[in-house]
């Protein structure tokens, strides 16, 4: 099972393996509070794509398409797929305010299609 969650939300036992999928460390979150099992910043969108998207919902569909293209040749995607295979529950953590329009959502969709 793969879930997504804002890193600012409380940790729960059901989170399972907690992996941050942001390129940048989230503001105001200590390493202790994050309780990460992993940080795959390399799986995050490129800086150019991240800046272009700017978390604008009207750009999300194009962002999704471009990000999926990036992921096709990104070796970190394979690392993330290995984590998902190794653990029964994985939570992809992100810092964005919008729970519907972010890279963790795209990753979760992509991983769900591989099940």
PDB file of N, CA and C in Angstrom:
ATOM      1  N   UNK A   1       0.830  -1.174   0.000  1.00  0.00           N
ATOM      2  CA  UNK A   1       0.000   0.000   0.000  1.00  0.00           C
ATOM      3  C   UNK A   1       0.888   1.256   0.000  1.00  0.00           C
ATOM      4  N   UNK A   2       0.572   2.177  -0.860  1.00  0.00           N
ATOM      5  CA  UNK A   2       1.293   3.443  -0.931  1.00  0.00           C
ATOM      6  C   UNK A   2       0.315   4.569  -0.625  1.00  0.00           C
ATOM      7  N   UNK A   3       0.702   5.443   0.290  1.00  0.00           N
ATOM      8  CA  UNK A   3      -0.120   6.592   0.662  1.00  0.00           C
ATOM      9  C   UNK A   3       0.726   7.852   0.542  1.00  0.00           C
ATOM     10  N   UNK A   4       0.055   8.986   0.548  1.00  0.00           N
ATOM     11  CA  UNK A   4       0.782  10.260   0.586  1.00  0.00           C
ATOM     12  C   UNK A   4       0.293  11.067   1.786  1.00  0.00           C
ATOM     13  N   UNK A   5       1.191  11.929   2.266  1.00  0.00           N
ATOM     14  CA  UNK A   5       0.872  12.692   3.475  1.00  0.00           C
ATOM     15  C   UNK A   5       1.785  13.904   3.550  1.00  0.00           C
ATOM     16  N   UNK A   6       1.238  15.007   4.039  1.00  0.00           N
ATOM     17  CA  UNK A   6       2.091  16.173   4.301  1.00  0.00           C
ATOM     18  C   UNK A   6       3.024  15.853   5.452  1.00  0.00           C
ATOM     19  N   UNK A   7       4.250  16.257   5.319  1.00  0.00           N
ATOM     20  CA  UNK A   7       5.237  15.974   6.363  1.00  0.00           C
ATOM     21  C   UNK A   7       4.887  16.690   7.669  1.00  0.00           C
ATOM     22  N   UNK A   8       4.055  17.715   7.591  1.00  0.00           N
ATOM     23  CA  UNK A   8       3.660  18.481   8.778  1.00  0.00           C
ATOM     24  C   UNK A   8       2.558  17.783   9.579  1.00  0.00           C
ATOM     25  N   UNK A   9       1.939  16.752   9.013  1.00  0.00           N
ATOM     26  CA  UNK A   9       0.892  16.011   9.724  1.00  0.00           C
ATOM     27  C   UNK A   9       1.531  15.034  10.714  1.00  0.00           C
ATOM     28  N   UNK A  10       0.790  14.688  11.770  1.00  0.00           N
ATOM     29  CA  UNK A  10       1.354  13.783  12.780  1.00  0.00           C
ATOM     30  C   UNK A  10       1.727  12.410  12.208  1.00  0.00           C
ATOM     31  N   UNK A  11       2.771  11.835  12.756  1.00  0.00           N
ATOM     32  CA  UNK A  11       3.199  10.495  12.391  1.00  0.00           C
ATOM     33  C   UNK A  11       2.228   9.487  12.994  1.00  0.00           C
ATOM     34  N   UNK A  12       1.932   8.432  12.232  1.00  0.00           N
ATOM     35  CA  UNK A  12       1.042   7.373  12.708  1.00  0.00           C
ATOM     36  C   UNK A  12       1.685   6.025  12.422  1.00  0.00           C
ATOM     37  N   UNK A  13       1.407   5.015  13.251  1.00  0.00           N
ATOM     38  CA  UNK A  13       1.978   3.685  12.994  1.00  0.00           C
ATOM     39  C   UNK A  13       1.614   3.142  11.612  1.00  0.00           C
ATOM     40  N   UNK A  14       0.442   3.505  11.105  1.00  0.00           N
ATOM     41  CA  UNK A  14       0.001   3.009   9.801  1.00  0.00           C
ATOM     42  C   UNK A  14       0.802   3.601   8.635  1.00  0.00           C
ATOM     43  N   UNK A  15       1.636   4.611   8.920  1.00  0.00           N
ATOM     44  CA  UNK A  15       2.463   5.213   7.865  1.00  0.00           C
ATOM     45  C   UNK A  15       3.434   4.194   7.263  1.00  0.00           C
ATOM     46  N   UNK A  16       3.857   3.251   8.068  1.00  0.00           N
ATOM     47  CA  UNK A  16       4.845   2.290   7.577  1.00  0.00           C
ATOM     48  C   UNK A  16       6.167   2.983   7.297  1.00  0.00           C
ATOM     49  N   UNK A  17       6.775   2.658   6.165  1.00  0.00           N
ATOM     50  CA  UNK A  17       8.054   3.252   5.760  1.00  0.00           C
ATOM     51  C   UNK A  17       7.782   4.669   5.277  1.00  0.00           C
ATOM     52  N   UNK A  18       8.396   5.651   5.922  1.00  0.00           N
ATOM     53  CA  UNK A  18       8.161   7.070   5.611  1.00  0.00           C
ATOM     54  C   UNK A  18       9.319   7.613   4.785  1.00  0.00           C
ATOM     55  N   UNK A  19       8.991   8.059   3.567  1.00  0.00           N
ATOM     56  CA  UNK A  19      10.026   8.568   2.678  1.00  0.00           C
ATOM     57  C   UNK A  19       9.640   9.955   2.152  1.00  0.00           C
ATOM     58  N   UNK A  20      10.543  10.897   2.336  1.00  0.00           N
ATOM     59  CA  UNK A  20      10.351  12.256   1.829  1.00  0.00           C
ATOM     60  C   UNK A  20      10.697  12.275   0.345  1.00  0.00           C
ATOM     61  N   UNK A  21       9.797  12.822  -0.481  1.00  0.00           N
ATOM     62  CA  UNK A  21      10.015  12.853  -1.929  1.00  0.00           C
ATOM     63  C   UNK A  21      10.145  14.278  -2.451  1.00  0.00           C
ATOM     64  N   UNK A  22      10.537  15.198  -1.593  1.00  0.00           N
ATOM     65  CA  UNK A  22      10.820  16.588  -1.978  1.00  0.00           C
ATOM     66  C   UNK A  22      12.322  16.750  -2.189  1.00  0.00           C
ATOM     67  N   UNK A  23      12.686  17.607  -3.111  1.00  0.00           N
ATOM     68  CA  UNK A  23      14.100  17.903  -3.360  1.00  0.00           C
ATOM     69  C   UNK A  23      14.680  18.763  -2.236  1.00  0.00           C
ATOM     70  N   UNK A  24      13.854  19.636  -1.671  1.00  0.00           N
ATOM     71  CA  UNK A  24      14.299  20.552  -0.617  1.00  0.00           C
ATOM     72  C   UNK A  24      13.743  20.098   0.734  1.00  0.00           C
ATOM     73  N   UNK A  25      14.544  20.288   1.791  1.00  0.00           N
ATOM     74  CA  UNK A  25      14.076  19.942   3.126  1.00  0.00           C
ATOM     75  C   UNK A  25      12.958  20.906   3.523  1.00  0.00           C
ATOM     76  N   UNK A  26      11.856  20.402   4.089  1.00  0.00           N
ATOM     77  CA  UNK A  26      10.724  21.258   4.458  1.00  0.00           C
ATOM     78  C   UNK A  26      11.058  22.209   5.602  1.00  0.00           C
ATOM     79  N   UNK A  27      10.598  23.426   5.457  1.00  0.00           N
ATOM     80  CA  UNK A  27      10.851  24.455   6.482  1.00  0.00           C
ATOM     81  C   UNK A  27      10.185  24.106   7.799  1.00  0.00           C
ATOM     82  N   UNK A  28      10.920  24.360   8.855  1.00  0.00           N
ATOM     83  CA  UNK A  28      10.364  24.211  10.193  1.00  0.00           C
ATOM     84  C   UNK A  28      10.201  22.784  10.680  1.00  0.00           C
ATOM     85  N   UNK A  29      10.766  21.820   9.988  1.00  0.00           N
ATOM     86  CA  UNK A  29      10.645  20.420  10.403  1.00  0.00           C
ATOM     87  C   UNK A  29      12.021  19.906  10.809  1.00  0.00           C
ATOM     88  N   UNK A  30      12.129  19.499  12.053  1.00  0.00           N
ATOM     89  CA  UNK A  30      13.402  18.935  12.506  1.00  0.00           C
ATOM     90  C   UNK A  30      13.508  17.495  12.027  1.00  0.00           C
ATOM     91  N   UNK A  31      14.712  16.979  12.006  1.00  0.00           N
ATOM     92  CA  UNK A  31      14.903  15.582  11.599  1.00  0.00           C
ATOM     93  C   UNK A  31      14.205  14.639  12.571  1.00  0.00           C
ATOM     94  N   UNK A  32      14.192  14.985  13.864  1.00  0.00           N
ATOM     95  CA  UNK A  32      13.512  14.147  14.846  1.00  0.00           C
ATOM     96  C   UNK A  32      12.013  14.121  14.596  1.00  0.00           C
ATOM     97  N   UNK A  33      11.440  15.294  14.343  1.00  0.00           N
ATOM     98  CA  UNK A  33       9.992  15.376  14.123  1.00  0.00           C
ATOM     99  C   UNK A  33       9.591  14.687  12.819  1.00  0.00           C
ATOM    100  N   UNK A  34      10.432  14.721  11.823  1.00  0.00           N
ATOM    101  CA  UNK A  34      10.110  14.123  10.524  1.00  0.00           C
ATOM    102  C   UNK A  34       9.995  12.604  10.614  1.00  0.00           C
ATOM    103  N   UNK A  35      10.809  11.997  11.464  1.00  0.00           N
ATOM    104  CA  UNK A  35      10.813  10.539  11.638  1.00  0.00           C
ATOM    105  C   UNK A  35      10.843   9.806  10.294  1.00  0.00           C
ATOM    106  N   UNK A  36      11.824  10.179   9.499  1.00  0.00           N
ATOM    107  CA  UNK A  36      11.961   9.584   8.172  1.00  0.00           C
ATOM    108  C   UNK A  36      12.693   8.261   8.214  1.00  0.00           C
ATOM    109  N   UNK A  37      12.301   7.393   7.296  1.00  0.00           N
ATOM    110  CA  UNK A  37      13.061   6.175   7.042  1.00  0.00           C
ATOM    111  C   UNK A  37      13.945   6.378   5.820  1.00  0.00           C
ATOM    112  N   UNK A  38      13.601   7.371   5.004  1.00  0.00           N
ATOM    113  CA  UNK A  38      14.390   7.662   3.818  1.00  0.00           C
ATOM    114  C   UNK A  38      14.041   9.013   3.230  1.00  0.00           C
ATOM    115  N   UNK A  39      14.973   9.533   2.448  1.00  0.00           N
ATOM    116  CA  UNK A  39      14.756  10.797   1.741  1.00  0.00           C
ATOM    117  C   UNK A  39      15.265  10.582   0.323  1.00  0.00           C
ATOM    118  N   UNK A  40      14.356  10.503  -0.632  1.00  0.00           N
ATOM    119  CA  UNK A  40      14.725  10.307  -2.028  1.00  0.00           C
ATOM    120  C   UNK A  40      14.545  11.620  -2.791  1.00  0.00           C
ATOM    121  N   UNK A  41      15.412  12.575  -2.497  1.00  0.00           N
ATOM    122  CA  UNK A  41      15.268  13.872  -3.156  1.00  0.00           C
ATOM    123  C   UNK A  41      15.502  13.783  -4.657  1.00  0.00           C
ATOM    124  N   UNK A  42      16.234  12.759  -5.093  1.00  0.00           N
ATOM    125  CA  UNK A  42      16.515  12.608  -6.521  1.00  0.00           C
ATOM    126  C   UNK A  42      15.273  12.229  -7.321  1.00  0.00           C
ATOM    127  N   UNK A  43      14.231  11.702  -6.667  1.00  0.00           N
ATOM    128  CA  UNK A  43      13.012  11.321  -7.370  1.00  0.00           C
ATOM    129  C   UNK A  43      12.078  12.521  -7.571  1.00  0.00           C
ATOM    130  N   UNK A  44      12.372  13.615  -6.910  1.00  0.00           N
ATOM    131  CA  UNK A  44      11.555  14.825  -7.037  1.00  0.00           C
ATOM    132  C   UNK A  44      11.708  15.430  -8.432  1.00  0.00           C
ATOM    133  N   UNK A  45      10.771  16.277  -8.825  1.00  0.00           N
ATOM    134  CA  UNK A  45      10.888  16.945 -10.131  1.00  0.00           C
ATOM    135  C   UNK A  45      12.166  17.776 -10.211  1.00  0.00           C
ATOM    136  N   UNK A  46      12.658  17.959 -11.425  1.00  0.00           N
ATOM    137  CA  UNK A  46      13.838  18.801 -11.627  1.00  0.00           C
ATOM    138  C   UNK A  46      13.536  20.211 -11.120  1.00  0.00           C
ATOM    139  N   UNK A  47      14.578  20.931 -10.809  1.00  0.00           N
ATOM    140  CA  UNK A  47      14.398  22.305 -10.318  1.00  0.00           C
ATOM    141  C   UNK A  47      13.645  23.145 -11.346  1.00  0.00           C
ATOM    142  N   UNK A  48      13.985  22.974 -12.612  1.00  0.00           N
ATOM    143  CA  UNK A  48      13.321  23.738 -13.681  1.00  0.00           C
ATOM    144  C   UNK A  48      11.815  23.442 -13.708  1.00  0.00           C
ATOM    145  N   UNK A  49      11.450  22.165 -13.649  1.00  0.00           N
ATOM    146  CA  UNK A  49      10.035  21.797 -13.683  1.00  0.00           C
ATOM    147  C   UNK A  49       9.320  22.262 -12.416  1.00  0.00           C
ATOM    148  N   UNK A  50       9.964  22.100 -11.285  1.00  0.00           N
ATOM    149  CA  UNK A  50       9.363  22.528 -10.007  1.00  0.00           C
ATOM    150  C   UNK A  50       9.059  24.017 -10.015  1.00  0.00           C
ATOM    151  N   UNK A  51      10.016  24.809 -10.492  1.00  0.00           N
ATOM    152  CA  UNK A  51       9.815  26.259 -10.528  1.00  0.00           C
ATOM    153  C   UNK A  51       8.727  26.642 -11.531  1.00  0.00           C
ATOM    154  N   UNK A  52       8.696  25.977 -12.688  1.00  0.00           N
ATOM    155  CA  UNK A  52       7.668  26.268 -13.682  1.00  0.00           C
ATOM    156  C   UNK A  52       6.277  25.975 -13.111  1.00  0.00           C
ATOM    157  N   UNK A  53       6.129  24.825 -12.467  1.00  0.00           N
ATOM    158  CA  UNK A  53       4.836  24.428 -11.904  1.00  0.00           C
ATOM    159  C   UNK A  53       4.373  25.419 -10.844  1.00  0.00           C
ATOM    160  N   UNK A  54       5.240  25.755  -9.910  1.00  0.00           N
ATOM    161  CA  UNK A  54       4.909  26.724  -8.870  1.00  0.00           C
ATOM    162  C   UNK A  54       3.670  26.375  -8.064  1.00  0.00           C
ATOM    163  N   UNK A  55       3.270  25.118  -8.043  1.00  0.00           N
ATOM    164  CA  UNK A  55       2.088  24.628  -7.327  1.00  0.00           C
ATOM    165  C   UNK A  55       0.806  25.337  -7.756  1.00  0.00           C
ATOM    166  N   UNK A  56       0.746  25.711  -9.039  1.00  0.00           N
ATOM    167  CA  UNK A  56      -0.463  26.331  -9.593  1.00  0.00           C
ATOM    168  C   UNK A  56      -1.364  25.219 -10.129  1.00  0.00           C
ATOM    169  N   UNK A  57      -2.552  25.045  -9.538  1.00  0.00           N
ATOM    170  CA  UNK A  57      -3.439  23.958  -9.943  1.00  0.00           C
ATOM    171  C   UNK A  57      -3.733  23.924 -11.444  1.00  0.00           C
ATOM    172  N   UNK A  58      -3.820  25.074 -12.065  1.00  0.00           N
ATOM    173  CA  UNK A  58      -4.119  25.110 -13.499  1.00  0.00           C
ATOM    174  C   UNK A  58      -2.981  24.538 -14.353  1.00  0.00           C
ATOM    175  N   UNK A  59      -1.806  24.387 -13.784  1.00  0.00           N
ATOM    176  CA  UNK A  59      -0.663  23.803 -14.497  1.00  0.00           C
ATOM    177  C   UNK A  59      -0.446  22.329 -14.157  1.00  0.00           C
ATOM    178  N   UNK A  60      -1.285  21.776 -13.276  1.00  0.00           N
ATOM    179  CA  UNK A  60      -1.023  20.441 -12.766  1.00  0.00           C
ATOM    180  C   UNK A  60      -1.049  19.358 -13.845  1.00  0.00           C
ATOM    181  N   UNK A  61      -1.999  19.388 -14.740  1.00  0.00           N
ATOM    182  CA  UNK A  61      -2.074  18.339 -15.763  1.00  0.00           C
ATOM    183  C   UNK A  61      -0.820  18.324 -16.626  1.00  0.00           C
ATOM    184  N   UNK A  62      -0.325  19.494 -17.009  1.00  0.00           N
ATOM    185  CA  UNK A  62       0.906  19.561 -17.799  1.00  0.00           C
ATOM    186  C   UNK A  62       2.107  19.162 -16.940  1.00  0.00           C
ATOM    187  N   UNK A  63       2.094  19.575 -15.673  1.00  0.00           N
ATOM    188  CA  UNK A  63       3.156  19.168 -14.747  1.00  0.00           C
ATOM    189  C   UNK A  63       3.201  17.653 -14.646  1.00  0.00           C
ATOM    190  N   UNK A  64       2.042  17.029 -14.460  1.00  0.00           N
ATOM    191  CA  UNK A  64       1.964  15.572 -14.346  1.00  0.00           C
ATOM    192  C   UNK A  64       2.606  14.915 -15.571  1.00  0.00           C
ATOM    193  N   UNK A  65       2.250  15.383 -16.738  1.00  0.00           N
ATOM    194  CA  UNK A  65       2.784  14.816 -17.983  1.00  0.00           C
ATOM    195  C   UNK A  65       4.307  14.984 -18.060  1.00  0.00           C
ATOM    196  N   UNK A  66       4.797  16.184 -17.788  1.00  0.00           N
ATOM    197  CA  UNK A  66       6.237  16.454 -17.862  1.00  0.00           C
ATOM    198  C   UNK A  66       7.010  15.686 -16.787  1.00  0.00           C
ATOM    199  N   UNK A  67       6.436  15.597 -15.610  1.00  0.00           N
ATOM    200  CA  UNK A  67       7.099  14.888 -14.516  1.00  0.00           C
ATOM    201  C   UNK A  67       7.191  13.400 -14.828  1.00  0.00           C
ATOM    202  N   UNK A  68       6.138  12.835 -15.358  1.00  0.00           N
ATOM    203  CA  UNK A  68       6.181  11.417 -15.742  1.00  0.00           C
ATOM    204  C   UNK A  68       7.248  11.166 -16.808  1.00  0.00           C
ATOM    205  N   UNK A  69       7.421  12.105 -17.699  1.00  0.00           N
ATOM    206  CA  UNK A  69       8.478  11.984 -18.710  1.00  0.00           C
ATOM    207  C   UNK A  69       9.847  11.978 -18.037  1.00  0.00           C
ATOM    208  N   UNK A  70      10.042  12.878 -17.079  1.00  0.00           N
ATOM    209  CA  UNK A  70      11.308  12.897 -16.335  1.00  0.00           C
ATOM    210  C   UNK A  70      11.552  11.576 -15.615  1.00  0.00           C
ATOM    211  N   UNK A  71      10.512  11.026 -15.045  1.00  0.00           N
ATOM    212  CA  UNK A  71      10.651   9.806 -14.257  1.00  0.00           C
ATOM    213  C   UNK A  71      11.041   8.592 -15.099  1.00  0.00           C
ATOM    214  N   UNK A  72      10.721   8.611 -16.377  1.00  0.00           N
ATOM    215  CA  UNK A  72      11.045   7.478 -17.254  1.00  0.00           C
ATOM    216  C   UNK A  72      12.543   7.198 -17.290  1.00  0.00           C
ATOM    217  N   UNK A  73      13.350   8.240 -17.160  1.00  0.00           N
ATOM    218  CA  UNK A  73      14.806   8.079 -17.236  1.00  0.00           C
ATOM    219  C   UNK A  73      15.497   8.376 -15.910  1.00  0.00           C
ATOM    220  N   UNK A  74      14.728   8.459 -14.840  1.00  0.00           N
ATOM    221  CA  UNK A  74      15.282   8.797 -13.534  1.00  0.00           C
ATOM    222  C   UNK A  74      15.560   7.507 -12.740  1.00  0.00           C
ATOM    223  N   UNK A  75      16.839   7.187 -12.458  1.00  0.00           N
ATOM    224  CA  UNK A  75      17.167   5.975 -11.700  1.00  0.00           C
ATOM    225  C   UNK A  75      16.570   5.963 -10.284  1.00  0.00           C
ATOM    226  N   UNK A  76      16.286   7.117  -9.732  1.00  0.00           N
ATOM    227  CA  UNK A  76      15.699   7.180  -8.389  1.00  0.00           C
ATOM    228  C   UNK A  76      14.296   6.583  -8.376  1.00  0.00           C
ATOM    229  N   UNK A  77      13.627   6.575  -9.516  1.00  0.00           N
ATOM    230  CA  UNK A  77      12.305   5.947  -9.604  1.00  0.00           C
ATOM    231  C   UNK A  77      12.419   4.456  -9.259  1.00  0.00           C
ATOM    232  N   UNK A  78      13.473   3.822  -9.758  1.00  0.00           N
ATOM    233  CA  UNK A  78      13.696   2.408  -9.459  1.00  0.00           C
ATOM    234  C   UNK A  78      13.970   2.191  -7.975  1.00  0.00           C
ATOM    235  N   UNK A  79      14.675   3.123  -7.358  1.00  0.00           N
ATOM    236  CA  UNK A  79      14.918   3.030  -5.914  1.00  0.00           C
ATOM    237  C   UNK A  79      13.595   3.082  -5.151  1.00  0.00           C
ATOM    238  N   UNK A  80      12.719   3.997  -5.563  1.00  0.00           N
ATOM    239  CA  UNK A  80      11.422   4.123  -4.910  1.00  0.00           C
ATOM    240  C   UNK A  80      10.577   2.866  -5.133  1.00  0.00           C
ATOM    241  N   UNK A  81      10.606   2.324  -6.336  1.00  0.00           N
ATOM    242  CA  UNK A  81       9.867   1.092  -6.614  1.00  0.00           C
ATOM    243  C   UNK A  81      10.379  -0.057  -5.750  1.00  0.00           C
ATOM    244  N   UNK A  82      11.682  -0.105  -5.503  1.00  0.00           N
ATOM    245  CA  UNK A  82      12.264  -1.140  -4.648  1.00  0.00           C
ATOM    246  C   UNK A  82      11.776  -0.994  -3.206  1.00  0.00           C
ATOM    247  N   UNK A  83      11.663   0.230  -2.731  1.00  0.00           N
ATOM    248  CA  UNK A  83      11.151   0.477  -1.382  1.00  0.00           C
ATOM    249  C   UNK A  83       9.715  -0.021  -1.277  1.00  0.00           C
ATOM    250  N   UNK A  84       8.908   0.280  -2.289  1.00  0.00           N
ATOM    251  CA  UNK A  84       7.503  -0.125  -2.276  1.00  0.00           C
ATOM    252  C   UNK A  84       7.371  -1.651  -2.266  1.00  0.00           C
ATOM    253  N   UNK A  85       8.261  -2.320  -2.979  1.00  0.00           N
ATOM    254  CA  UNK A  85       8.232  -3.791  -2.992  1.00  0.00           C
ATOM    255  C   UNK A  85       8.693  -4.375  -1.655  1.00  0.00           C
ATOM    256  N   UNK A  86       9.585  -3.675  -0.976  1.00  0.00           N
ATOM    257  CA  UNK A  86      10.186  -4.196   0.253  1.00  0.00           C
ATOM    258  C   UNK A  86       9.323  -4.007   1.499  1.00  0.00           C
ATOM    259  N   UNK A  87       8.390  -3.067   1.476  1.00  0.00           N
ATOM    260  CA  UNK A  87       7.606  -2.755   2.672  1.00  0.00           C
ATOM    261  C   UNK A  87       6.106  -2.842   2.375  1.00  0.00           C
ATOM    262  N   UNK A  88       5.340  -3.376   3.308  1.00  0.00           N
ATOM    263  CA  UNK A  88       3.895  -3.501   3.072  1.00  0.00           C
ATOM    264  C   UNK A  88       3.155  -2.163   3.044  1.00  0.00           C
ATOM    265  N   UNK A  89       3.673  -1.181   3.764  1.00  0.00           N
ATOM    266  CA  UNK A  89       3.063   0.159   3.777  1.00  0.00           C
ATOM    267  C   UNK A  89       4.160   1.195   3.594  1.00  0.00           C
ATOM    268  N   UNK A  90       3.948   2.088   2.646  1.00  0.00           N
ATOM    269  CA  UNK A  90       4.897   3.167   2.370  1.00  0.00           C
ATOM    270  C   UNK A  90       4.117   4.470   2.290  1.00  0.00           C
ATOM    271  N   UNK A  91       4.623   5.496   2.959  1.00  0.00           N
ATOM    272  CA  UNK A  91       4.008   6.816   2.889  1.00  0.00           C
ATOM    273  C   UNK A  91       4.991   7.776   2.252  1.00  0.00           C
ATOM    274  N   UNK A  92       4.545   8.391   1.152  1.00  0.00           N
ATOM    275  CA  UNK A  92       5.337   9.404   0.456  1.00  0.00           C
ATOM    276  C   UNK A  92       5.025  10.745   1.104  1.00  0.00           C
ATOM    277  N   UNK A  93       6.042  11.383   1.638  1.00  0.00           N
ATOM    278  CA  UNK A  93       5.869  12.648   2.345  1.00  0.00           C
ATOM    279  C   UNK A  93       6.247  13.819   1.463  1.00  0.00           C
ATOM    280  N   UNK A  94       5.469  14.890   1.567  1.00  0.00           N
ATOM    281  CA  UNK A  94       5.699  16.105   0.780  1.00  0.00           C
ATOM    282  C   UNK A  94       5.391  17.311   1.659  1.00  0.00           C
ATOM    283  N   UNK A  95       5.863  18.487   1.256  1.00  0.00           N
ATOM    284  CA  UNK A  95       5.654  19.693   2.050  1.00  0.00           C
ATOM    285  C   UNK A  95       4.602  20.631   1.463  1.00  0.00           C
ATOM    286  N   UNK A  96       4.224  20.454   0.220  1.00  0.00           N
ATOM    287  CA  UNK A  96       3.277  21.362  -0.442  1.00  0.00           C
ATOM    288  C   UNK A  96       1.978  21.492   0.354  1.00  0.00           C
ATOM    289  N   UNK A  97       1.338  22.643   0.230  1.00  0.00           N
ATOM    290  CA  UNK A  97       0.071  22.889   0.932  1.00  0.00           C
ATOM    291  C   UNK A  97      -1.093  22.127   0.292  1.00  0.00           C
ATOM    292  N   UNK A  98      -1.060  21.986  -1.007  1.00  0.00           N
ATOM    293  CA  UNK A  98      -2.169  21.398  -1.760  1.00  0.00           C
ATOM    294  C   UNK A  98      -2.034  19.875  -1.821  1.00  0.00           C
ATOM    295  N   UNK A  99      -2.965  19.130  -1.204  1.00  0.00           N
ATOM    296  CA  UNK A  99      -2.857  17.669  -1.194  1.00  0.00           C
ATOM    297  C   UNK A  99      -3.189  17.011  -2.535  1.00  0.00           C
ATOM    298  N   UNK A 100      -3.777  17.747  -3.457  1.00  0.00           N
ATOM    299  CA  UNK A 100      -4.173  17.182  -4.742  1.00  0.00           C
ATOM    300  C   UNK A 100      -3.209  17.506  -5.871  1.00  0.00           C
ATOM    301  N   UNK A 101      -2.462  18.574  -5.755  1.00  0.00           N
ATOM    302  CA  UNK A 101      -1.607  19.053  -6.847  1.00  0.00           C
ATOM    303  C   UNK A 101      -0.151  19.118  -6.393  1.00  0.00           C
ATOM    304  N   UNK A 102       0.503  17.950  -6.346  1.00  0.00           N
ATOM    305  CA  UNK A 102       1.897  17.879  -5.923  1.00  0.00           C
ATOM    306  C   UNK A 102       2.552  16.634  -6.508  1.00  0.00           C
ATOM    307  N   UNK A 103       3.870  16.564  -6.422  1.00  0.00           N
ATOM    308  CA  UNK A 103       4.604  15.450  -7.017  1.00  0.00           C
ATOM    309  C   UNK A 103       4.341  14.122  -6.327  1.00  0.00           C
ATOM    310  N   UNK A 104       4.052  14.120  -5.031  1.00  0.00           N
ATOM    311  CA  UNK A 104       3.765  12.874  -4.319  1.00  0.00           C
ATOM    312  C   UNK A 104       2.512  12.221  -4.895  1.00  0.00           C
ATOM    313  N   UNK A 105       1.534  13.025  -5.278  1.00  0.00           N
ATOM    314  CA  UNK A 105       0.306  12.505  -5.892  1.00  0.00           C
ATOM    315  C   UNK A 105       0.648  11.788  -7.205  1.00  0.00           C
ATOM    316  N   UNK A 106       1.506  12.407  -8.010  1.00  0.00           N
ATOM    317  CA  UNK A 106       1.906  11.809  -9.295  1.00  0.00           C
ATOM    318  C   UNK A 106       2.655  10.501  -9.044  1.00  0.00           C
ATOM    319  N   UNK A 107       3.567  10.504  -8.097  1.00  0.00           N
ATOM    320  CA  UNK A 107       4.320   9.292  -7.773  1.00  0.00           C
ATOM    321  C   UNK A 107       3.394   8.183  -7.282  1.00  0.00           C
ATOM    322  N   UNK A 108       2.446   8.524  -6.436  1.00  0.00           N
ATOM    323  CA  UNK A 108       1.513   7.539  -5.909  1.00  0.00           C
ATOM    324  C   UNK A 108       0.699   6.916  -7.044  1.00  0.00           C
ATOM    325  N   UNK A 109       0.229   7.730  -7.972  1.00  0.00           N
ATOM    326  CA  UNK A 109      -0.521   7.231  -9.129  1.00  0.00           C
ATOM    327  C   UNK A 109       0.346   6.280  -9.955  1.00  0.00           C
ATOM    328  N   UNK A 110       1.568   6.673 -10.171  1.00  0.00           N
ATOM    329  CA  UNK A 110       2.485   5.873 -10.981  1.00  0.00           C
ATOM    330  C   UNK A 110       2.771   4.522 -10.306  1.00  0.00           C
ATOM    331  N   UNK A 111       3.000   4.555  -9.015  1.00  0.00           N
ATOM    332  CA  UNK A 111       3.291   3.312  -8.275  1.00  0.00           C
ATOM    333  C   UNK A 111       2.053   2.411  -8.192  1.00  0.00           C
ATOM    334  N   UNK A 112       0.879   2.994  -8.095  1.00  0.00           N
ATOM    335  CA  UNK A 112      -0.358   2.202  -8.025  1.00  0.00           C
ATOM    336  C   UNK A 112      -0.563   1.425  -9.319  1.00  0.00           C
ATOM    337  N   UNK A 113      -0.160   1.966 -10.436  1.00  0.00           N
ATOM    338  CA  UNK A 113      -0.314   1.287 -11.728  1.00  0.00           C
ATOM    339  C   UNK A 113       0.634   0.119 -11.863  1.00  0.00           C
ATOM    340  N   UNK A 114       1.668   0.073 -11.032  1.00  0.00           N
ATOM    341  CA  UNK A 114       2.660  -1.005 -11.102  1.00  0.00           C
ATOM    342  C   UNK A 114       2.252  -2.210 -10.263  1.00  0.00           C
ATOM    343  N   UNK A 115       1.263  -2.043  -9.392  1.00  0.00           N
ATOM    344  CA  UNK A 115       0.834  -3.138  -8.509  1.00  0.00           C
ATOM    345  C   UNK A 115       0.161  -4.255  -9.299  1.00  0.00           C
TER     346      UNK A 115
END
